Amino acid sequence: MTKKKHKNIFLIGPMGAGKTTVGKFLARRLEMHFHDSDDEIERKTGASLSWIFDIEGLSGYRNREMKVIDELSHMKDIVLSTGGGCVETPEVRDILQKRGVVVYMEVSLDTQLRRLKHDKRRPLLQGDDREDVLIKLWEKREPYYEEIADFTVNTDTCSIQDVCNQILAWLKSRG
């Protein structure tokens, strides 16, 4: 499979779905460039996501996120792993739908809790009740994931390679 056959690929879904890990693997398989919107925000600001949240709040972070996704989505031949909440911004949903194919990486709450058990990086998970936070985020974001997804893959019990192969098979089926 060559990169010439595909538009940009945008990976969306909740924290712990495996977007970054699968994205890197998928980009290698397709000979495309990989980018992670959260990493790009940190690189551009020289600050951690937690620091940005502390200083600028959620709205400041979302504004930075929208600018980074807008910039990256203009590039060619990329696989972009997005932050779980980017879909809350209408402009971001529009950008993703218009500039590439959107793959929703679905994951269950149990799997999220297991994968994120020791996570210290994500600002929204720094409270006491991770399960409650993840449930509320899912309730808010799930309709948006479904709305803009061109393809959905569940990552609960699949290996990175299996998830990647499902995405590649779907891409191939599109011609």
N, C-alpha and C. Protein backbone atom coordinates (compact mmCIF):
# COMPACT_ATOMS: atom_id res chain seq x y z
N MET A 1 0.85 -1.18 0.00
CA MET A 1 0.00 0.00 0.00
C MET A 1 0.89 1.23 0.00
N THR A 2 0.62 2.17 -0.86
CA THR A 2 1.45 3.36 -0.90
C THR A 2 0.68 4.56 -0.40
N LYS A 3 1.43 5.55 0.03
CA LYS A 3 0.81 6.73 0.60
C LYS A 3 0.05 7.54 -0.44
N LYS A 4 0.37 7.39 -1.71
CA LYS A 4 -0.26 8.18 -2.76
C LYS A 4 -1.77 7.92 -2.84
N LYS A 5 -2.22 6.78 -2.36
CA LYS A 5 -3.63 6.42 -2.46
C LYS A 5 -4.49 7.02 -1.34
N HIS A 6 -3.88 7.62 -0.34
CA HIS A 6 -4.64 8.02 0.84
C HIS A 6 -4.54 9.50 1.13
N LYS A 7 -5.62 10.01 1.68
CA LYS A 7 -5.62 11.35 2.23
C LYS A 7 -4.94 11.27 3.60
N ASN A 8 -4.88 12.38 4.27
CA ASN A 8 -4.43 12.37 5.65
C ASN A 8 -5.38 11.51 6.48
N ILE A 9 -4.83 10.92 7.51
CA ILE A 9 -5.61 10.06 8.39
C ILE A 9 -5.57 10.67 9.78
N PHE A 10 -6.76 10.93 10.32
CA PHE A 10 -6.89 11.53 11.64
C PHE A 10 -7.47 10.52 12.60
N LEU A 11 -6.76 10.26 13.69
CA LEU A 11 -7.20 9.31 14.70
C LEU A 11 -7.85 10.07 15.86
N ILE A 12 -9.10 9.73 16.14
CA ILE A 12 -9.84 10.34 17.24
C ILE A 12 -10.27 9.25 18.21
N GLY A 13 -10.62 9.65 19.41
CA GLY A 13 -11.11 8.71 20.40
C GLY A 13 -10.67 9.13 21.79
N PRO A 14 -11.17 8.43 22.79
CA PRO A 14 -10.86 8.80 24.18
C PRO A 14 -9.42 8.50 24.56
N MET A 15 -9.03 9.07 25.69
CA MET A 15 -7.72 8.76 26.28
C MET A 15 -7.61 7.25 26.46
N GLY A 16 -6.45 6.73 26.20
CA GLY A 16 -6.22 5.31 26.43
C GLY A 16 -6.68 4.41 25.30
N ALA A 17 -7.16 4.98 24.20
CA ALA A 17 -7.60 4.16 23.07
C ALA A 17 -6.41 3.63 22.27
N GLY A 18 -5.26 4.27 22.41
CA GLY A 18 -4.07 3.82 21.69
C GLY A 18 -3.79 4.63 20.42
N LYS A 19 -4.31 5.84 20.35
CA LYS A 19 -4.17 6.64 19.12
C LYS A 19 -2.72 6.91 18.76
N THR A 20 -1.91 7.27 19.72
CA THR A 20 -0.51 7.59 19.43
C THR A 20 0.27 6.34 19.05
N THR A 21 0.10 5.29 19.79
CA THR A 21 0.83 4.05 19.52
C THR A 21 0.45 3.48 18.16
N VAL A 22 -0.85 3.39 17.89
CA VAL A 22 -1.31 2.88 16.59
C VAL A 22 -0.93 3.84 15.48
N GLY A 23 -1.03 5.14 15.74
CA GLY A 23 -0.70 6.14 14.74
C GLY A 23 0.72 6.02 14.24
N LYS A 24 1.66 5.84 15.14
CA LYS A 24 3.08 5.68 14.76
C LYS A 24 3.26 4.44 13.88
N PHE A 25 2.65 3.36 14.29
CA PHE A 25 2.76 2.10 13.56
C PHE A 25 2.11 2.22 12.18
N LEU A 26 0.92 2.81 12.14
CA LEU A 26 0.19 3.00 10.88
C LEU A 26 0.98 3.89 9.92
N ALA A 27 1.53 4.97 10.42
CA ALA A 27 2.31 5.89 9.58
C ALA A 27 3.50 5.16 8.95
N ARG A 28 4.17 4.34 9.72
CA ARG A 28 5.31 3.56 9.17
C ARG A 28 4.83 2.63 8.06
N ARG A 29 3.73 1.94 8.32
CA ARG A 29 3.21 0.99 7.32
C ARG A 29 2.81 1.69 6.03
N LEU A 30 2.28 2.91 6.13
CA LEU A 30 1.81 3.64 4.96
C LEU A 30 2.87 4.59 4.38
N GLU A 31 4.05 4.60 5.01
CA GLU A 31 5.12 5.51 4.61
C GLU A 31 4.63 6.97 4.61
N MET A 32 3.94 7.30 5.69
CA MET A 32 3.43 8.65 5.90
C MET A 32 4.14 9.24 7.13
N HIS A 33 3.93 10.51 7.37
CA HIS A 33 4.52 11.18 8.53
C HIS A 33 3.54 11.12 9.68
N PHE A 34 4.06 10.91 10.89
CA PHE A 34 3.21 10.85 12.08
C PHE A 34 3.34 12.14 12.88
N HIS A 35 2.19 12.62 13.38
CA HIS A 35 2.17 13.76 14.29
C HIS A 35 1.17 13.48 15.40
N ASP A 36 1.45 14.01 16.57
CA ASP A 36 0.55 13.93 17.72
C ASP A 36 0.24 15.36 18.13
N SER A 37 -1.04 15.73 18.14
CA SER A 37 -1.39 17.13 18.41
C SER A 37 -0.95 17.57 19.81
N ASP A 38 -1.07 16.71 20.81
CA ASP A 38 -0.64 17.09 22.16
C ASP A 38 0.87 17.32 22.22
N ASP A 39 1.63 16.43 21.58
CA ASP A 39 3.09 16.60 21.55
C ASP A 39 3.47 17.89 20.84
N GLU A 40 2.75 18.20 19.78
CA GLU A 40 3.04 19.42 19.01
C GLU A 40 2.74 20.67 19.85
N ILE A 41 1.67 20.64 20.62
CA ILE A 41 1.35 21.78 21.51
C ILE A 41 2.47 21.97 22.52
N GLU A 42 2.92 20.87 23.12
CA GLU A 42 4.02 20.96 24.09
C GLU A 42 5.30 21.46 23.44
N ARG A 43 5.58 20.99 22.23
CA ARG A 43 6.79 21.42 21.53
C ARG A 43 6.75 22.91 21.22
N LYS A 44 5.61 23.38 20.73
CA LYS A 44 5.48 24.80 20.36
C LYS A 44 5.52 25.73 21.57
N THR A 45 4.94 25.30 22.68
CA THR A 45 4.89 26.17 23.86
C THR A 45 6.11 26.00 24.76
N GLY A 46 6.76 24.85 24.67
CA GLY A 46 7.86 24.58 25.58
C GLY A 46 7.35 24.28 26.98
N ALA A 47 6.07 23.92 27.08
CA ALA A 47 5.47 23.66 28.39
C ALA A 47 4.64 22.38 28.33
N SER A 48 4.45 21.77 29.47
CA SER A 48 3.64 20.55 29.55
C SER A 48 2.16 20.90 29.43
N LEU A 49 1.36 19.90 29.04
CA LEU A 49 -0.08 20.10 28.97
C LEU A 49 -0.63 20.52 30.33
N SER A 50 -0.13 19.93 31.40
CA SER A 50 -0.59 20.27 32.75
C SER A 50 -0.34 21.74 33.05
N TRP A 51 0.81 22.24 32.68
CA TRP A 51 1.14 23.65 32.91
C TRP A 51 0.19 24.54 32.11
N ILE A 52 -0.05 24.19 30.85
CA ILE A 52 -0.96 24.97 30.01
C ILE A 52 -2.35 25.01 30.63
N PHE A 53 -2.83 23.85 31.09
CA PHE A 53 -4.14 23.79 31.74
C PHE A 53 -4.16 24.66 33.00
N ASP A 54 -3.10 24.59 33.80
CA ASP A 54 -3.04 25.38 35.04
C ASP A 54 -3.05 26.87 34.77
N ILE A 55 -2.33 27.31 33.77
CA ILE A 55 -2.18 28.74 33.49
C ILE A 55 -3.33 29.28 32.63
N GLU A 56 -3.69 28.54 31.59
CA GLU A 56 -4.66 29.05 30.61
C GLU A 56 -6.04 28.43 30.72
N GLY A 57 -6.16 27.37 31.48
CA GLY A 57 -7.44 26.68 31.61
C GLY A 57 -7.77 25.87 30.37
N LEU A 58 -8.91 25.23 30.42
CA LEU A 58 -9.34 24.37 29.32
C LEU A 58 -9.55 25.17 28.03
N SER A 59 -10.13 26.36 28.15
CA SER A 59 -10.39 27.14 26.93
C SER A 59 -9.09 27.56 26.24
N GLY A 60 -8.08 27.92 27.01
CA GLY A 60 -6.78 28.27 26.43
C GLY A 60 -6.15 27.08 25.74
N TYR A 61 -6.25 25.93 26.39
CA TYR A 61 -5.72 24.72 25.78
C TYR A 61 -6.47 24.39 24.49
N ARG A 62 -7.81 24.45 24.50
CA ARG A 62 -8.60 24.13 23.30
C ARG A 62 -8.26 25.07 22.15
N ASN A 63 -8.01 26.33 22.45
CA ASN A 63 -7.63 27.28 21.42
C ASN A 63 -6.29 26.89 20.80
N ARG A 64 -5.33 26.53 21.62
CA ARG A 64 -4.02 26.07 21.11
C ARG A 64 -4.19 24.79 20.28
N GLU A 65 -5.02 23.89 20.78
CA GLU A 65 -5.26 22.63 20.10
C GLU A 65 -5.85 22.87 18.71
N MET A 66 -6.83 23.76 18.62
CA MET A 66 -7.47 24.05 17.34
C MET A 66 -6.44 24.60 16.34
N LYS A 67 -5.59 25.50 16.79
CA LYS A 67 -4.57 26.09 15.91
C LYS A 67 -3.58 25.02 15.41
N VAL A 68 -3.16 24.16 16.31
CA VAL A 68 -2.21 23.11 15.95
C VAL A 68 -2.84 22.12 14.96
N ILE A 69 -4.08 21.71 15.22
CA ILE A 69 -4.74 20.77 14.32
C ILE A 69 -4.99 21.41 12.96
N ASP A 70 -5.35 22.68 12.95
CA ASP A 70 -5.53 23.40 11.69
C ASP A 70 -4.22 23.41 10.90
N GLU A 71 -3.15 23.73 11.57
CA GLU A 71 -1.83 23.78 10.92
C GLU A 71 -1.39 22.41 10.40
N LEU A 72 -1.46 21.41 11.26
CA LEU A 72 -1.01 20.06 10.88
C LEU A 72 -1.87 19.47 9.77
N SER A 73 -3.16 19.74 9.80
CA SER A 73 -4.08 19.14 8.81
C SER A 73 -3.89 19.70 7.41
N HIS A 74 -3.15 20.79 7.28
CA HIS A 74 -2.82 21.32 5.96
C HIS A 74 -1.63 20.58 5.33
N MET A 75 -0.93 19.81 6.13
CA MET A 75 0.20 19.05 5.62
C MET A 75 -0.32 17.89 4.77
N LYS A 76 0.57 17.29 4.02
CA LYS A 76 0.20 16.16 3.18
C LYS A 76 0.83 14.88 3.72
N ASP A 77 0.12 13.77 3.49
CA ASP A 77 0.64 12.45 3.86
C ASP A 77 0.95 12.32 5.35
N ILE A 78 -0.02 12.66 6.18
CA ILE A 78 0.20 12.52 7.62
C ILE A 78 -0.84 11.61 8.26
N VAL A 79 -0.42 11.00 9.34
CA VAL A 79 -1.31 10.34 10.29
C VAL A 79 -1.23 11.21 11.54
N LEU A 80 -2.38 11.71 11.98
CA LEU A 80 -2.43 12.61 13.12
C LEU A 80 -3.22 11.99 14.26
N SER A 81 -2.55 11.85 15.41
CA SER A 81 -3.21 11.43 16.63
C SER A 81 -3.67 12.69 17.34
N THR A 82 -4.97 12.77 17.63
CA THR A 82 -5.52 13.96 18.26
C THR A 82 -5.80 13.72 19.74
N GLY A 83 -5.93 14.81 20.47
CA GLY A 83 -6.33 14.71 21.87
C GLY A 83 -7.78 14.26 21.95
N GLY A 84 -8.12 13.53 22.99
CA GLY A 84 -9.46 12.96 23.13
C GLY A 84 -10.59 13.97 23.07
N GLY A 85 -10.34 15.19 23.52
CA GLY A 85 -11.40 16.19 23.58
C GLY A 85 -11.46 17.15 22.42
N CYS A 86 -10.60 16.97 21.43
CA CYS A 86 -10.57 17.91 20.30
C CYS A 86 -11.93 18.00 19.61
N VAL A 87 -12.69 16.90 19.66
CA VAL A 87 -13.99 16.86 18.98
C VAL A 87 -15.04 17.76 19.63
N GLU A 88 -14.74 18.27 20.82
CA GLU A 88 -15.67 19.19 21.47
C GLU A 88 -15.70 20.55 20.77
N THR A 89 -14.68 20.84 19.97
CA THR A 89 -14.60 22.12 19.27
C THR A 89 -15.18 21.95 17.86
N PRO A 90 -16.29 22.64 17.56
CA PRO A 90 -16.93 22.48 16.25
C PRO A 90 -15.98 22.73 15.07
N GLU A 91 -15.11 23.72 15.19
CA GLU A 91 -14.17 24.02 14.11
C GLU A 91 -13.22 22.85 13.86
N VAL A 92 -12.81 22.19 14.91
CA VAL A 92 -11.91 21.04 14.77
C VAL A 92 -12.64 19.89 14.08
N ARG A 93 -13.88 19.64 14.47
CA ARG A 93 -14.64 18.58 13.80
C ARG A 93 -14.74 18.87 12.31
N ASP A 94 -15.00 20.10 11.96
CA ASP A 94 -15.11 20.51 10.55
C ASP A 94 -13.78 20.31 9.82
N ILE A 95 -12.70 20.73 10.43
CA ILE A 95 -11.36 20.59 9.84
C ILE A 95 -11.06 19.12 9.56
N LEU A 96 -11.28 18.27 10.55
CA LEU A 96 -10.94 16.86 10.40
C LEU A 96 -11.76 16.21 9.29
N GLN A 97 -13.05 16.51 9.24
CA GLN A 97 -13.91 15.91 8.22
C GLN A 97 -13.54 16.36 6.82
N LYS A 98 -13.11 17.58 6.67
CA LYS A 98 -12.82 18.12 5.34
C LYS A 98 -11.43 17.80 4.82
N ARG A 99 -10.48 17.52 5.71
CA ARG A 99 -9.09 17.42 5.28
C ARG A 99 -8.49 16.02 5.36
N GLY A 100 -9.32 15.02 5.59
CA GLY A 100 -8.78 13.68 5.64
C GLY A 100 -9.85 12.68 6.01
N VAL A 101 -9.39 11.46 6.28
CA VAL A 101 -10.31 10.43 6.75
C VAL A 101 -10.16 10.34 8.26
N VAL A 102 -11.29 10.14 8.92
CA VAL A 102 -11.33 10.15 10.38
C VAL A 102 -11.59 8.73 10.87
N VAL A 103 -10.67 8.23 11.69
CA VAL A 103 -10.80 6.90 12.27
C VAL A 103 -11.04 7.06 13.77
N TYR A 104 -12.19 6.56 14.20
CA TYR A 104 -12.55 6.58 15.62
C TYR A 104 -12.03 5.32 16.27
N MET A 105 -11.12 5.49 17.22
CA MET A 105 -10.57 4.37 17.96
C MET A 105 -11.35 4.26 19.27
N GLU A 106 -12.27 3.32 19.26
CA GLU A 106 -13.19 3.12 20.36
C GLU A 106 -12.54 2.23 21.42
N VAL A 107 -12.86 2.50 22.69
CA VAL A 107 -12.30 1.72 23.79
C VAL A 107 -13.31 1.71 24.94
N SER A 108 -13.37 0.59 25.67
CA SER A 108 -14.30 0.50 26.81
C SER A 108 -13.73 1.21 28.03
N LEU A 109 -14.62 1.54 28.95
CA LEU A 109 -14.22 2.18 30.19
C LEU A 109 -13.23 1.31 30.97
N ASP A 110 -13.49 0.01 31.05
CA ASP A 110 -12.60 -0.89 31.79
C ASP A 110 -11.19 -0.87 31.21
N THR A 111 -11.10 -0.89 29.89
CA THR A 111 -9.78 -0.87 29.25
C THR A 111 -9.09 0.47 29.48
N GLN A 112 -9.86 1.56 29.37
CA GLN A 112 -9.29 2.88 29.65
C GLN A 112 -8.71 2.93 31.06
N LEU A 113 -9.49 2.49 32.04
CA LEU A 113 -9.04 2.53 33.43
C LEU A 113 -7.76 1.71 33.61
N ARG A 114 -7.71 0.55 32.99
CA ARG A 114 -6.52 -0.29 33.09
C ARG A 114 -5.31 0.39 32.45
N ARG A 115 -5.49 0.92 31.25
CA ARG A 115 -4.38 1.54 30.51
C ARG A 115 -3.90 2.85 31.15
N LEU A 116 -4.80 3.57 31.80
CA LEU A 116 -4.46 4.89 32.34
C LEU A 116 -4.22 4.88 33.85
N LYS A 117 -4.16 3.69 34.42
CA LYS A 117 -4.06 3.54 35.87
C LYS A 117 -2.93 4.37 36.48
N HIS A 118 -1.78 4.40 35.84
CA HIS A 118 -0.62 5.10 36.40
C HIS A 118 -0.28 6.38 35.66
N ASP A 119 -1.19 6.85 34.81
CA ASP A 119 -0.92 8.04 34.00
C ASP A 119 -0.85 9.30 34.86
N LYS A 120 0.21 10.05 34.68
CA LYS A 120 0.38 11.32 35.41
C LYS A 120 0.40 12.51 34.45
N ARG A 121 0.32 12.25 33.15
CA ARG A 121 0.48 13.30 32.15
C ARG A 121 -0.82 14.03 31.83
N ARG A 122 -1.94 13.34 31.86
CA ARG A 122 -3.20 13.93 31.41
C ARG A 122 -3.85 14.75 32.51
N PRO A 123 -3.97 16.07 32.28
CA PRO A 123 -4.50 16.96 33.32
C PRO A 123 -5.90 16.60 33.80
N LEU A 124 -6.75 16.13 32.94
CA LEU A 124 -8.13 15.84 33.34
C LEU A 124 -8.24 14.62 34.25
N LEU A 125 -7.17 13.83 34.35
CA LEU A 125 -7.21 12.62 35.17
C LEU A 125 -6.47 12.77 36.50
N GLN A 126 -6.18 13.98 36.89
CA GLN A 126 -5.38 14.15 38.10
C GLN A 126 -6.20 14.20 39.38
N GLY A 127 -7.51 14.07 39.27
CA GLY A 127 -8.35 14.03 40.47
C GLY A 127 -8.43 12.64 41.06
N ASP A 128 -9.33 12.49 42.03
CA ASP A 128 -9.45 11.22 42.75
C ASP A 128 -10.29 10.16 42.03
N ASP A 129 -11.32 10.58 41.31
CA ASP A 129 -12.25 9.61 40.73
C ASP A 129 -12.11 9.55 39.21
N ARG A 130 -11.11 8.82 38.76
CA ARG A 130 -10.84 8.70 37.32
C ARG A 130 -12.03 8.10 36.57
N GLU A 131 -12.66 7.11 37.19
CA GLU A 131 -13.78 6.45 36.52
C GLU A 131 -14.91 7.45 36.24
N ASP A 132 -15.25 8.25 37.22
CA ASP A 132 -16.32 9.25 37.04
C ASP A 132 -15.94 10.25 35.95
N VAL A 133 -14.70 10.69 35.96
CA VAL A 133 -14.22 11.64 34.94
C VAL A 133 -14.33 11.02 33.56
N LEU A 134 -13.88 9.78 33.41
CA LEU A 134 -13.91 9.12 32.10
C LEU A 134 -15.35 8.89 31.62
N ILE A 135 -16.24 8.56 32.53
CA ILE A 135 -17.65 8.37 32.15
C ILE A 135 -18.24 9.69 31.64
N LYS A 136 -18.00 10.76 32.37
CA LYS A 136 -18.53 12.07 31.96
C LYS A 136 -17.94 12.51 30.62
N LEU A 137 -16.66 12.29 30.43
CA LEU A 137 -16.03 12.66 29.15
C LEU A 137 -16.62 11.83 28.01
N TRP A 138 -16.82 10.54 28.25
CA TRP A 138 -17.39 9.67 27.21
C TRP A 138 -18.79 10.15 26.85
N GLU A 139 -19.61 10.44 27.86
CA GLU A 139 -20.98 10.90 27.59
C GLU A 139 -21.00 12.17 26.75
N LYS A 140 -20.06 13.05 27.00
CA LYS A 140 -19.99 14.32 26.28
C LYS A 140 -19.43 14.16 24.86
N ARG A 141 -18.42 13.30 24.71
CA ARG A 141 -17.67 13.23 23.46
C ARG A 141 -18.12 12.14 22.48
N GLU A 142 -18.69 11.07 23.00
CA GLU A 142 -19.07 9.94 22.15
C GLU A 142 -19.93 10.35 20.94
N PRO A 143 -20.94 11.19 21.11
CA PRO A 143 -21.74 11.58 19.94
C PRO A 143 -20.90 12.27 18.86
N TYR A 144 -19.90 13.03 19.27
CA TYR A 144 -19.03 13.72 18.30
C TYR A 144 -18.13 12.72 17.57
N TYR A 145 -17.58 11.76 18.33
CA TYR A 145 -16.75 10.73 17.68
C TYR A 145 -17.56 10.03 16.59
N GLU A 146 -18.76 9.61 16.96
CA GLU A 146 -19.64 8.90 16.01
C GLU A 146 -19.99 9.78 14.81
N GLU A 147 -20.26 11.05 15.08
CA GLU A 147 -20.69 11.98 14.04
C GLU A 147 -19.65 12.16 12.93
N ILE A 148 -18.38 12.26 13.31
CA ILE A 148 -17.37 12.59 12.29
C ILE A 148 -16.56 11.40 11.80
N ALA A 149 -16.74 10.24 12.40
CA ALA A 149 -15.94 9.07 12.03
C ALA A 149 -16.32 8.53 10.66
N ASP A 150 -15.29 8.26 9.86
CA ASP A 150 -15.47 7.54 8.60
C ASP A 150 -15.38 6.04 8.85
N PHE A 151 -14.65 5.67 9.89
CA PHE A 151 -14.44 4.26 10.22
C PHE A 151 -14.23 4.17 11.73
N THR A 152 -14.76 3.11 12.34
CA THR A 152 -14.60 2.88 13.78
C THR A 152 -13.93 1.54 14.00
N VAL A 153 -12.95 1.53 14.89
CA VAL A 153 -12.27 0.29 15.24
C VAL A 153 -12.20 0.22 16.77
N ASN A 154 -12.55 -0.94 17.32
CA ASN A 154 -12.48 -1.12 18.76
C ASN A 154 -11.09 -1.62 19.13
N THR A 155 -10.47 -1.00 20.14
CA THR A 155 -9.10 -1.33 20.49
C THR A 155 -8.97 -2.13 21.79
N ASP A 156 -10.10 -2.57 22.34
CA ASP A 156 -10.07 -3.25 23.63
C ASP A 156 -9.18 -4.49 23.67
N THR A 157 -9.40 -5.39 22.76
CA THR A 157 -8.71 -6.69 22.84
C THR A 157 -7.76 -6.94 21.68
N CYS A 158 -7.55 -5.94 20.85
CA CYS A 158 -6.70 -6.11 19.68
C CYS A 158 -5.28 -5.61 19.95
N SER A 159 -4.33 -6.25 19.31
CA SER A 159 -2.95 -5.77 19.38
C SER A 159 -2.83 -4.52 18.50
N ILE A 160 -1.73 -3.82 18.65
CA ILE A 160 -1.47 -2.64 17.81
C ILE A 160 -1.52 -3.05 16.34
N GLN A 161 -0.89 -4.16 16.03
CA GLN A 161 -0.86 -4.64 14.65
C GLN A 161 -2.26 -4.99 14.15
N ASP A 162 -3.08 -5.61 14.98
CA ASP A 162 -4.45 -5.96 14.58
C ASP A 162 -5.28 -4.72 14.29
N VAL A 163 -5.17 -3.70 15.15
CA VAL A 163 -5.90 -2.46 14.93
C VAL A 163 -5.43 -1.82 13.63
N CYS A 164 -4.13 -1.78 13.46
CA CYS A 164 -3.54 -1.21 12.24
C CYS A 164 -4.02 -1.98 11.00
N ASN A 165 -4.04 -3.30 11.07
CA ASN A 165 -4.48 -4.11 9.94
C ASN A 165 -5.95 -3.86 9.61
N GLN A 166 -6.79 -3.66 10.63
CA GLN A 166 -8.19 -3.34 10.37
C GLN A 166 -8.32 -2.00 9.65
N ILE A 167 -7.55 -1.02 10.05
CA ILE A 167 -7.58 0.29 9.40
C ILE A 167 -7.06 0.17 7.96
N LEU A 168 -5.99 -0.57 7.78
CA LEU A 168 -5.42 -0.75 6.43
C LEU A 168 -6.41 -1.47 5.51
N ALA A 169 -7.08 -2.49 6.04
CA ALA A 169 -8.08 -3.20 5.23
C ALA A 169 -9.22 -2.27 4.84
N TRP A 170 -9.66 -1.44 5.77
CA TRP A 170 -10.73 -0.48 5.46
C TRP A 170 -10.25 0.52 4.40
N LEU A 171 -9.04 1.02 4.54
CA LEU A 171 -8.50 1.97 3.56
C LEU A 171 -8.43 1.32 2.18
N LYS A 172 -7.98 0.06 2.16
CA LYS A 172 -7.87 -0.66 0.87
C LYS A 172 -9.25 -0.85 0.24
N SER A 173 -10.26 -1.09 1.06
CA SER A 173 -11.61 -1.33 0.55
C SER A 173 -12.21 -0.07 -0.08
N ARG A 174 -11.67 1.07 0.29
CA ARG A 174 -12.16 2.34 -0.24
C ARG A 174 -11.58 2.64 -1.63
N GLY A 175 -10.56 1.86 -2.01
CA GLY A 175 -9.97 2.03 -3.35
C GLY A 175 -8.88 3.00 -3.46
